[in-house]
Amino acid sequence: MLPWAALLRITAMRWAWTPSEFWAATPRELEAVLGLGHPANGLKRSELDQLIRTHPDTATCGRAGDQKEGRPHD
């Protein structure tokens, strides 16, 4: 059995996660923040630049009204 209370305490204290953020996290996300599992390889600068060009930030990104105005959040 997993030590849920300890995991919740660690994520709240180290990363300031709320309980709802903790319970919404996937097992892979929990592994990543706790340093478990396989280490991820970092992005190369050229890969980051490509992501920025492909998915630029917008002034309305993530706002509740985006869906209503026909601008889906990616």
PDB file of N, CA and C in Angstrom:
ATOM      1  N   MET A   1       0.838  -1.183   0.000  1.00  0.00           N
ATOM      2  CA  MET A   1       0.000   0.000   0.000  1.00  0.00           C
ATOM      3  C   MET A   1       0.886   1.250   0.000  1.00  0.00           C
ATOM      4  N   LEU A   2       0.500   2.213  -0.803  1.00  0.00           N
ATOM      5  CA  LEU A   2       1.287   3.449  -0.897  1.00  0.00           C
ATOM      6  C   LEU A   2       1.028   4.364   0.295  1.00  0.00           C
ATOM      7  N   PRO A   3       2.054   5.087   0.716  1.00  0.00           N
ATOM      8  CA  PRO A   3       1.901   6.036   1.829  1.00  0.00           C
ATOM      9  C   PRO A   3       1.304   7.355   1.329  1.00  0.00           C
ATOM     10  N   TRP A   4      -0.013   7.352   1.067  1.00  0.00           N
ATOM     11  CA  TRP A   4      -0.666   8.507   0.455  1.00  0.00           C
ATOM     12  C   TRP A   4      -0.488   9.779   1.272  1.00  0.00           C
ATOM     13  N   ALA A   5      -0.620   9.690   2.577  1.00  0.00           N
ATOM     14  CA  ALA A   5      -0.487  10.884   3.422  1.00  0.00           C
ATOM     15  C   ALA A   5       0.913  11.481   3.296  1.00  0.00           C
ATOM     16  N   ALA A   6       1.928  10.629   3.270  1.00  0.00           N
ATOM     17  CA  ALA A   6       3.305  11.116   3.131  1.00  0.00           C
ATOM     18  C   ALA A   6       3.522  11.740   1.758  1.00  0.00           C
ATOM     19  N   LEU A   7       2.987  11.113   0.717  1.00  0.00           N
ATOM     20  CA  LEU A   7       3.130  11.664  -0.639  1.00  0.00           C
ATOM     21  C   LEU A   7       2.441  13.022  -0.743  1.00  0.00           C
ATOM     22  N   LEU A   8       1.253  13.128  -0.178  1.00  0.00           N
ATOM     23  CA  LEU A   8       0.535  14.402  -0.192  1.00  0.00           C
ATOM     24  C   LEU A   8       1.312  15.473   0.566  1.00  0.00           C
ATOM     25  N   ARG A   9       1.859  15.121   1.716  1.00  0.00           N
ATOM     26  CA  ARG A   9       2.638  16.070   2.514  1.00  0.00           C
ATOM     27  C   ARG A   9       3.878  16.550   1.750  1.00  0.00           C
ATOM     28  N   ILE A  10       4.589  15.629   1.104  1.00  0.00           N
ATOM     29  CA  ILE A  10       5.797  15.985   0.362  1.00  0.00           C
ATOM     30  C   ILE A  10       5.466  16.937  -0.786  1.00  0.00           C
ATOM     31  N   THR A  11       4.441  16.616  -1.558  1.00  0.00           N
ATOM     32  CA  THR A  11       4.105  17.479  -2.700  1.00  0.00           C
ATOM     33  C   THR A  11       3.580  18.833  -2.235  1.00  0.00           C
ATOM     34  N   ALA A  12       2.886  18.857  -1.114  1.00  0.00           N
ATOM     35  CA  ALA A  12       2.384  20.136  -0.596  1.00  0.00           C
ATOM     36  C   ALA A  12       3.519  20.998  -0.065  1.00  0.00           C
ATOM     37  N   MET A  13       4.458  20.389   0.645  1.00  0.00           N
ATOM     38  CA  MET A  13       5.532  21.167   1.258  1.00  0.00           C
ATOM     39  C   MET A  13       6.603  21.589   0.248  1.00  0.00           C
ATOM     40  N   ARG A  14       6.981  20.703  -0.639  1.00  0.00           N
ATOM     41  CA  ARG A  14       8.062  21.016  -1.583  1.00  0.00           C
ATOM     42  C   ARG A  14       7.594  21.784  -2.804  1.00  0.00           C
ATOM     43  N   TRP A  15       6.415  21.457  -3.301  1.00  0.00           N
ATOM     44  CA  TRP A  15       5.963  22.071  -4.555  1.00  0.00           C
ATOM     45  C   TRP A  15       4.691  22.878  -4.397  1.00  0.00           C
ATOM     46  N   ALA A  16       4.222  23.036  -3.188  1.00  0.00           N
ATOM     47  CA  ALA A  16       3.029  23.840  -2.889  1.00  0.00           C
ATOM     48  C   ALA A  16       1.801  23.382  -3.673  1.00  0.00           C
ATOM     49  N   TRP A  17       1.700  22.076  -3.897  1.00  0.00           N
ATOM     50  CA  TRP A  17       0.516  21.530  -4.555  1.00  0.00           C
ATOM     51  C   TRP A  17      -0.651  21.576  -3.586  1.00  0.00           C
ATOM     52  N   THR A  18      -1.813  21.881  -4.098  1.00  0.00           N
ATOM     53  CA  THR A  18      -3.038  21.779  -3.311  1.00  0.00           C
ATOM     54  C   THR A  18      -3.484  20.319  -3.337  1.00  0.00           C
ATOM     55  N   PRO A  19      -4.358  19.917  -2.416  1.00  0.00           N
ATOM     56  CA  PRO A  19      -4.858  18.539  -2.466  1.00  0.00           C
ATOM     57  C   PRO A  19      -5.497  18.189  -3.811  1.00  0.00           C
ATOM     58  N   SER A  20      -6.224  19.136  -4.405  1.00  0.00           N
ATOM     59  CA  SER A  20      -6.858  18.834  -5.702  1.00  0.00           C
ATOM     60  C   SER A  20      -5.812  18.633  -6.796  1.00  0.00           C
ATOM     61  N   GLU A  21      -4.711  19.375  -6.751  1.00  0.00           N
ATOM     62  CA  GLU A  21      -3.638  19.172  -7.729  1.00  0.00           C
ATOM     63  C   GLU A  21      -2.988  17.801  -7.521  1.00  0.00           C
ATOM     64  N   PHE A  22      -2.792  17.423  -6.255  1.00  0.00           N
ATOM     65  CA  PHE A  22      -2.211  16.117  -5.960  1.00  0.00           C
ATOM     66  C   PHE A  22      -3.082  15.000  -6.514  1.00  0.00           C
ATOM     67  N   TRP A  23      -4.386  15.029  -6.207  1.00  0.00           N
ATOM     68  CA  TRP A  23      -5.263  13.945  -6.630  1.00  0.00           C
ATOM     69  C   TRP A  23      -5.520  13.953  -8.128  1.00  0.00           C
ATOM     70  N   ALA A  24      -5.283  15.074  -8.794  1.00  0.00           N
ATOM     71  CA  ALA A  24      -5.432  15.140 -10.248  1.00  0.00           C
ATOM     72  C   ALA A  24      -4.179  14.672 -10.977  1.00  0.00           C
ATOM     73  N   ALA A  25      -3.065  14.548 -10.253  1.00  0.00           N
ATOM     74  CA  ALA A  25      -1.795  14.158 -10.882  1.00  0.00           C
ATOM     75  C   ALA A  25      -1.829  12.695 -11.305  1.00  0.00           C
ATOM     76  N   THR A  26      -1.164  12.425 -12.406  1.00  0.00           N
ATOM     77  CA  THR A  26      -1.033  11.049 -12.871  1.00  0.00           C
ATOM     78  C   THR A  26       0.113  10.372 -12.118  1.00  0.00           C
ATOM     79  N   PRO A  27       0.152   9.048 -12.106  1.00  0.00           N
ATOM     80  CA  PRO A  27       1.280   8.360 -11.474  1.00  0.00           C
ATOM     81  C   PRO A  27       2.627   8.798 -12.057  1.00  0.00           C
ATOM     82  N   ARG A  28       2.682   9.031 -13.350  1.00  0.00           N
ATOM     83  CA  ARG A  28       3.937   9.458 -13.982  1.00  0.00           C
ATOM     84  C   ARG A  28       4.354  10.850 -13.487  1.00  0.00           C
ATOM     85  N   GLU A  29       3.386  11.738 -13.283  1.00  0.00           N
ATOM     86  CA  GLU A  29       3.706  13.064 -12.749  1.00  0.00           C
ATOM     87  C   GLU A  29       4.228  12.962 -11.317  1.00  0.00           C
ATOM     88  N   LEU A  30       3.608  12.106 -10.515  1.00  0.00           N
ATOM     89  CA  LEU A  30       4.099  11.896  -9.154  1.00  0.00           C
ATOM     90  C   LEU A  30       5.520  11.338  -9.166  1.00  0.00           C
ATOM     91  N   GLU A  31       5.782  10.367 -10.039  1.00  0.00           N
ATOM     92  CA  GLU A  31       7.142   9.829 -10.166  1.00  0.00           C
ATOM     93  C   GLU A  31       8.130  10.934 -10.496  1.00  0.00           C
ATOM     94  N   ALA A  32       7.746  11.812 -11.416  1.00  0.00           N
ATOM     95  CA  ALA A  32       8.658  12.867 -11.857  1.00  0.00           C
ATOM     96  C   ALA A  32       8.989  13.840 -10.729  1.00  0.00           C
ATOM     97  N   VAL A  33       7.981  14.317 -10.005  1.00  0.00           N
ATOM     98  CA  VAL A  33       8.258  15.296  -8.959  1.00  0.00           C
ATOM     99  C   VAL A  33       8.950  14.687  -7.751  1.00  0.00           C
ATOM    100  N   LEU A  34       8.766  13.386  -7.539  1.00  0.00           N
ATOM    101  CA  LEU A  34       9.410  12.719  -6.417  1.00  0.00           C
ATOM    102  C   LEU A  34      10.786  12.169  -6.775  1.00  0.00           C
ATOM    103  N   GLY A  35      11.166  12.296  -8.059  1.00  0.00           N
ATOM    104  CA  GLY A  35      12.479  11.824  -8.487  1.00  0.00           C
ATOM    105  C   GLY A  35      12.548  10.320  -8.638  1.00  0.00           C
ATOM    106  N   LEU A  36      11.422   9.687  -8.881  1.00  0.00           N
ATOM    107  CA  LEU A  36      11.381   8.245  -9.075  1.00  0.00           C
ATOM    108  C   LEU A  36      11.332   7.919 -10.556  1.00  0.00           C
ATOM    109  N   GLY A  37      11.496   6.680 -10.892  1.00  0.00           N
ATOM    110  CA  GLY A  37      11.389   6.274 -12.280  1.00  0.00           C
ATOM    111  C   GLY A  37      12.637   6.635 -13.060  1.00  0.00           C
ATOM    112  N   HIS A  38      12.464   6.749 -14.340  1.00  0.00           N
ATOM    113  CA  HIS A  38      13.589   7.018 -15.242  1.00  0.00           C
ATOM    114  C   HIS A  38      13.785   8.518 -15.412  1.00  0.00           C
ATOM    115  N   PRO A  39      15.025   8.979 -15.319  1.00  0.00           N
ATOM    116  CA  PRO A  39      15.256  10.410 -15.539  1.00  0.00           C
ATOM    117  C   PRO A  39      14.950  10.789 -16.989  1.00  0.00           C
ATOM    118  N   ALA A  40      14.323  11.911 -17.147  1.00  0.00           N
ATOM    119  CA  ALA A  40      13.992  12.396 -18.492  1.00  0.00           C
ATOM    120  C   ALA A  40      15.188  13.123 -19.089  1.00  0.00           C
ATOM    121  N   ASN A  41      15.351  12.968 -20.368  1.00  0.00           N
ATOM    122  CA  ASN A  41      16.385  13.729 -21.063  1.00  0.00           C
ATOM    123  C   ASN A  41      15.865  15.130 -21.299  1.00  0.00           C
ATOM    124  N   GLY A  42      16.720  16.109 -21.132  1.00  0.00           N
ATOM    125  CA  GLY A  42      16.326  17.492 -21.348  1.00  0.00           C
ATOM    126  C   GLY A  42      16.174  17.817 -22.825  1.00  0.00           C
ATOM    127  N   LEU A  43      15.509  18.907 -23.089  1.00  0.00           N
ATOM    128  CA  LEU A  43      15.368  19.376 -24.467  1.00  0.00           C
ATOM    129  C   LEU A  43      16.638  20.078 -24.914  1.00  0.00           C
ATOM    130  N   LYS A  44      16.934  19.917 -26.176  1.00  0.00           N
ATOM    131  CA  LYS A  44      18.008  20.716 -26.774  1.00  0.00           C
ATOM    132  C   LYS A  44      17.431  22.096 -27.047  1.00  0.00           C
ATOM    133  N   ARG A  45      18.278  23.096 -27.112  1.00  0.00           N
ATOM    134  CA  ARG A  45      17.807  24.457 -27.359  1.00  0.00           C
ATOM    135  C   ARG A  45      17.028  24.539 -28.664  1.00  0.00           C
ATOM    136  N   SER A  46      17.477  23.849 -29.692  1.00  0.00           N
ATOM    137  CA  SER A  46      16.784  23.881 -30.980  1.00  0.00           C
ATOM    138  C   SER A  46      15.386  23.273 -30.871  1.00  0.00           C
ATOM    139  N   GLU A  47      15.218  22.246 -30.024  1.00  0.00           N
ATOM    140  CA  GLU A  47      13.901  21.634 -29.826  1.00  0.00           C
ATOM    141  C   GLU A  47      12.973  22.585 -29.076  1.00  0.00           C
ATOM    142  N   LEU A  48      13.517  23.287 -28.083  1.00  0.00           N
ATOM    143  CA  LEU A  48      12.719  24.271 -27.351  1.00  0.00           C
ATOM    144  C   LEU A  48      12.290  25.400 -28.282  1.00  0.00           C
ATOM    145  N   ASP A  49      13.208  25.886 -29.098  1.00  0.00           N
ATOM    146  CA  ASP A  49      12.878  26.964 -30.046  1.00  0.00           C
ATOM    147  C   ASP A  49      11.776  26.523 -31.003  1.00  0.00           C
ATOM    148  N   GLN A  50      11.832  25.268 -31.448  1.00  0.00           N
ATOM    149  CA  GLN A  50      10.805  24.745 -32.356  1.00  0.00           C
ATOM    150  C   GLN A  50       9.448  24.689 -31.650  1.00  0.00           C
ATOM    151  N   LEU A  51       9.427  24.252 -30.400  1.00  0.00           N
ATOM    152  CA  LEU A  51       8.169  24.226 -29.649  1.00  0.00           C
ATOM    153  C   LEU A  51       7.603  25.625 -29.461  1.00  0.00           C
ATOM    154  N   ILE A  52       8.461  26.578 -29.188  1.00  0.00           N
ATOM    155  CA  ILE A  52       8.013  27.969 -29.018  1.00  0.00           C
ATOM    156  C   ILE A  52       7.413  28.500 -30.313  1.00  0.00           C
ATOM    157  N   ARG A  53       8.044  28.188 -31.447  1.00  0.00           N
ATOM    158  CA  ARG A  53       7.501  28.633 -32.738  1.00  0.00           C
ATOM    159  C   ARG A  53       6.180  27.934 -33.054  1.00  0.00           C
ATOM    160  N   THR A  54       6.097  26.650 -32.743  1.00  0.00           N
ATOM    161  CA  THR A  54       4.902  25.867 -33.057  1.00  0.00           C
ATOM    162  C   THR A  54       3.731  26.198 -32.144  1.00  0.00           C
ATOM    163  N   HIS A  55       4.024  26.452 -30.866  1.00  0.00           N
ATOM    164  CA  HIS A  55       2.974  26.701 -29.873  1.00  0.00           C
ATOM    165  C   HIS A  55       3.277  27.973 -29.091  1.00  0.00           C
ATOM    166  N   PRO A  56       3.167  29.126 -29.745  1.00  0.00           N
ATOM    167  CA  PRO A  56       3.499  30.380 -29.049  1.00  0.00           C
ATOM    168  C   PRO A  56       2.493  30.699 -27.951  1.00  0.00           C
ATOM    169  N   ASP A  57       2.973  31.360 -26.908  1.00  0.00           N
ATOM    170  CA  ASP A  57       2.081  31.850 -25.861  1.00  0.00           C
ATOM    171  C   ASP A  57       1.230  32.957 -26.449  1.00  0.00           C
ATOM    172  N   THR A  58       0.002  33.035 -25.969  1.00  0.00           N
ATOM    173  CA  THR A  58      -0.882  34.122 -26.398  1.00  0.00           C
ATOM    174  C   THR A  58      -1.415  34.823 -25.156  1.00  0.00           C
ATOM    175  N   ALA A  59      -1.892  36.010 -25.336  1.00  0.00           N
ATOM    176  CA  ALA A  59      -2.419  36.783 -24.206  1.00  0.00           C
ATOM    177  C   ALA A  59      -3.651  36.131 -23.611  1.00  0.00           C
ATOM    178  N   THR A  60      -4.377  35.320 -24.387  1.00  0.00           N
ATOM    179  CA  THR A  60      -5.611  34.722 -23.896  1.00  0.00           C
ATOM    180  C   THR A  60      -5.470  33.251 -23.565  1.00  0.00           C
ATOM    181  N   CYS A  61      -4.332  32.679 -23.746  1.00  0.00           N
ATOM    182  CA  CYS A  61      -4.140  31.252 -23.541  1.00  0.00           C
ATOM    183  C   CYS A  61      -4.504  30.855 -22.111  1.00  0.00           C
ATOM    184  N   GLY A  62      -5.452  29.906 -21.997  1.00  0.00           N
ATOM    185  CA  GLY A  62      -5.830  29.394 -20.700  1.00  0.00           C
ATOM    186  C   GLY A  62      -6.942  30.136 -19.995  1.00  0.00           C
ATOM    187  N   ARG A  63      -7.448  31.188 -20.579  1.00  0.00           N
ATOM    188  CA  ARG A  63      -8.534  31.922 -19.942  1.00  0.00           C
ATOM    189  C   ARG A  63      -9.863  31.228 -20.218  1.00  0.00           C
ATOM    190  N   ALA A  64     -10.781  31.371 -19.300  1.00  0.00           N
ATOM    191  CA  ALA A  64     -12.069  30.691 -19.411  1.00  0.00           C
ATOM    192  C   ALA A  64     -12.838  31.093 -20.666  1.00  0.00           C
ATOM    193  N   GLY A  65     -12.693  32.315 -21.111  1.00  0.00           N
ATOM    194  CA  GLY A  65     -13.434  32.792 -22.270  1.00  0.00           C
ATOM    195  C   GLY A  65     -12.897  32.311 -23.604  1.00  0.00           C
ATOM    196  N   ASP A  66     -11.748  31.672 -23.628  1.00  0.00           N
ATOM    197  CA  ASP A  66     -11.156  31.233 -24.893  1.00  0.00           C
ATOM    198  C   ASP A  66     -12.093  30.313 -25.674  1.00  0.00           C
ATOM    199  N   GLN A  67     -12.695  29.330 -24.995  1.00  0.00           N
ATOM    200  CA  GLN A  67     -13.559  28.389 -25.662  1.00  0.00           C
ATOM    201  C   GLN A  67     -14.784  29.088 -26.263  1.00  0.00           C
ATOM    202  N   LYS A  68     -15.322  30.045 -25.544  1.00  0.00           N
ATOM    203  CA  LYS A  68     -16.515  30.759 -26.010  1.00  0.00           C
ATOM    204  C   LYS A  68     -16.230  31.612 -27.230  1.00  0.00           C
ATOM    205  N   GLU A  69     -14.996  32.089 -27.339  1.00  0.00           N
ATOM    206  CA  GLU A  69     -14.652  32.981 -28.431  1.00  0.00           C
ATOM    207  C   GLU A  69     -14.017  32.231 -29.609  1.00  0.00           C
ATOM    208  N   GLY A  70     -14.075  30.890 -29.558  1.00  0.00           N
ATOM    209  CA  GLY A  70     -13.565  30.116 -30.687  1.00  0.00           C
ATOM    210  C   GLY A  70     -12.064  29.964 -30.708  1.00  0.00           C
ATOM    211  N   ARG A  71     -11.407  30.157 -29.561  1.00  0.00           N
ATOM    212  CA  ARG A  71      -9.957  29.982 -29.498  1.00  0.00           C
ATOM    213  C   ARG A  71      -9.657  28.848 -28.524  1.00  0.00           C
ATOM    214  N   PRO A  72      -9.662  27.595 -29.003  1.00  0.00           N
ATOM    215  CA  PRO A  72      -9.419  26.492 -28.082  1.00  0.00           C
ATOM    216  C   PRO A  72      -8.022  26.565 -27.485  1.00  0.00           C
ATOM    217  N   HIS A  73      -7.939  26.150 -26.249  1.00  0.00           N
ATOM    218  CA  HIS A  73      -6.651  26.101 -25.555  1.00  0.00           C
ATOM    219  C   HIS A  73      -5.931  24.830 -25.963  1.00  0.00           C
ATOM    220  N   ASP A  74      -4.698  24.948 -26.417  1.00  0.00           N
ATOM    221  CA  ASP A  74      -3.928  23.767 -26.848  1.00  0.00           C
ATOM    222  C   ASP A  74      -3.401  23.016 -25.674  1.00  0.00           C
TER     223      ASP A  74
END
